[in-house]
Amino acid sequence: MLLAWPLIRLSLDTGNSTSFDTHVAWLPADKWGLENVANLSAVPPVGATLIVGVPKIANASGGPCRVFALV
């Protein structure tokens, strides 16, 4: 089951999006996205487990995180 979507790019949506369709469809479905993930190309596309640590930031819609890949 895919609960998160890690990306190397700046947004879940394409850069020229004004409607943010991916955000609108993905996030309310109890899923979340990771944007600007470094070294994602070093993680195999299948078989890895990502551990994501996220600090709680009051009244924020996003923030930094630390991602570990178990291969």
C-alpha atoms as a PDB file:
ATOM      1  CA  MET A   1       0.000   0.000   0.000  1.00  0.00           C
ATOM      2  CA  LEU A   2       1.441   3.355  -1.015  1.00  0.00           C
ATOM      3  CA  LEU A   3       0.927   5.935   1.716  1.00  0.00           C
ATOM      4  CA  ALA A   4       3.506   8.499   0.639  1.00  0.00           C
ATOM      5  CA  TRP A   5       4.972   9.691  -2.617  1.00  0.00           C
ATOM      6  CA  PRO A   6       8.651  10.747  -2.451  1.00  0.00           C
ATOM      7  CA  LEU A   7       9.828  13.096  -5.194  1.00  0.00           C
ATOM      8  CA  ILE A   8      13.024  14.788  -6.283  1.00  0.00           C
ATOM      9  CA  ARG A   9      11.140  17.755  -7.751  1.00  0.00           C
ATOM     10  CA  LEU A  10       9.790  20.804  -5.932  1.00  0.00           C
ATOM     11  CA  SER A  11       6.107  19.863  -5.820  1.00  0.00           C
ATOM     12  CA  LEU A  12       3.689  16.954  -6.113  1.00  0.00           C
ATOM     13  CA  ASP A  13       2.219  18.850  -9.064  1.00  0.00           C
ATOM     14  CA  THR A  14       4.034  19.978 -12.183  1.00  0.00           C
ATOM     15  CA  GLY A  15       5.742  23.342 -11.937  1.00  0.00           C
ATOM     16  CA  ASN A  16       3.222  25.176 -14.089  1.00  0.00           C
ATOM     17  CA  SER A  17       0.147  23.902 -12.222  1.00  0.00           C
ATOM     18  CA  THR A  18      -2.319  26.499 -11.011  1.00  0.00           C
ATOM     19  CA  SER A  19      -5.027  24.061  -9.889  1.00  0.00           C
ATOM     20  CA  PHE A  20      -2.741  21.700  -7.892  1.00  0.00           C
ATOM     21  CA  ASP A  21      -4.775  18.652  -8.938  1.00  0.00           C
ATOM     22  CA  THR A  22      -2.358  16.147  -7.368  1.00  0.00           C
ATOM     23  CA  HIS A  23      -2.452  17.943  -4.018  1.00  0.00           C
ATOM     24  CA  VAL A  24      -6.259  18.100  -4.152  1.00  0.00           C
ATOM     25  CA  ALA A  25      -6.634  14.388  -4.996  1.00  0.00           C
ATOM     26  CA  TRP A  26      -3.746  12.860  -3.018  1.00  0.00           C
ATOM     27  CA  LEU A  27      -3.608  14.671   0.330  1.00  0.00           C
ATOM     28  CA  PRO A  28      -7.306  14.462   1.380  1.00  0.00           C
ATOM     29  CA  ALA A  29      -7.132  10.683   0.744  1.00  0.00           C
ATOM     30  CA  ASP A  30      -5.063  10.313   3.966  1.00  0.00           C
ATOM     31  CA  LYS A  31      -1.816  10.197   1.990  1.00  0.00           C
ATOM     32  CA  TRP A  32       1.110  12.565   1.996  1.00  0.00           C
ATOM     33  CA  GLY A  33       4.003  13.536  -0.225  1.00  0.00           C
ATOM     34  CA  LEU A  34       7.703  14.153   0.288  1.00  0.00           C
ATOM     35  CA  GLU A  35       9.133  16.860  -1.953  1.00  0.00           C
ATOM     36  CA  ASN A  36      12.823  17.542  -2.712  1.00  0.00           C
ATOM     37  CA  VAL A  37      14.059  14.157  -1.443  1.00  0.00           C
ATOM     38  CA  ALA A  38      17.862  13.981  -1.852  1.00  0.00           C
ATOM     39  CA  ASN A  39      19.602  10.853  -3.166  1.00  0.00           C
ATOM     40  CA  LEU A  40      16.317   9.183  -4.088  1.00  0.00           C
ATOM     41  CA  SER A  41      18.036   7.624  -7.119  1.00  0.00           C
ATOM     42  CA  ALA A  42      20.123   5.500  -4.695  1.00  0.00           C
ATOM     43  CA  VAL A  43      16.971   3.769  -3.388  1.00  0.00           C
ATOM     44  CA  PRO A  44      15.669   0.803  -5.409  1.00  0.00           C
ATOM     45  CA  PRO A  45      12.202   1.363  -6.935  1.00  0.00           C
ATOM     46  CA  VAL A  46      10.889  -1.834  -5.289  1.00  0.00           C
ATOM     47  CA  GLY A  47      11.672  -3.498  -1.974  1.00  0.00           C
ATOM     48  CA  ALA A  48      12.842  -0.569   0.159  1.00  0.00           C
ATOM     49  CA  THR A  49      11.091   0.756   3.241  1.00  0.00           C
ATOM     50  CA  LEU A  50      11.272   4.468   3.987  1.00  0.00           C
ATOM     51  CA  ILE A  51      11.333   5.731   7.566  1.00  0.00           C
ATOM     52  CA  VAL A  52      10.282   9.383   7.760  1.00  0.00           C
ATOM     53  CA  GLY A  53      10.891  11.544  10.813  1.00  0.00           C
ATOM     54  CA  VAL A  54       8.876  14.755  10.915  1.00  0.00           C
ATOM     55  CA  PRO A  55       8.953  17.382  13.663  1.00  0.00           C
ATOM     56  CA  LYS A  56       5.615  18.802  14.786  1.00  0.00           C
ATOM     57  CA  ILE A  57       5.283  22.426  13.711  1.00  0.00           C
ATOM     58  CA  ALA A  58       2.218  24.222  15.073  1.00  0.00           C
ATOM     59  CA  ASN A  59      -0.217  25.537  12.441  1.00  0.00           C
ATOM     60  CA  ALA A  60       2.018  24.507   9.532  1.00  0.00           C
ATOM     61  CA  SER A  61       0.899  22.772   6.351  1.00  0.00           C
ATOM     62  CA  GLY A  62       4.360  21.292   5.801  1.00  0.00           C
ATOM     63  CA  GLY A  63       7.933  21.324   6.975  1.00  0.00           C
ATOM     64  CA  PRO A  64      11.315  19.588   6.838  1.00  0.00           C
ATOM     65  CA  CYS A  65      11.768  15.872   7.429  1.00  0.00           C
ATOM     66  CA  ARG A  66      14.546  13.298   7.669  1.00  0.00           C
ATOM     67  CA  VAL A  67      14.179  10.212   5.447  1.00  0.00           C
ATOM     68  CA  PHE A  68      15.976   6.885   5.963  1.00  0.00           C
ATOM     69  CA  ALA A  69      15.783   4.018   3.457  1.00  0.00           C
ATOM     70  CA  LEU A  70      15.955   0.425   4.666  1.00  0.00           C
ATOM     71  CA  VAL A  71      17.113  -1.683   1.729  1.00  0.00           C
END
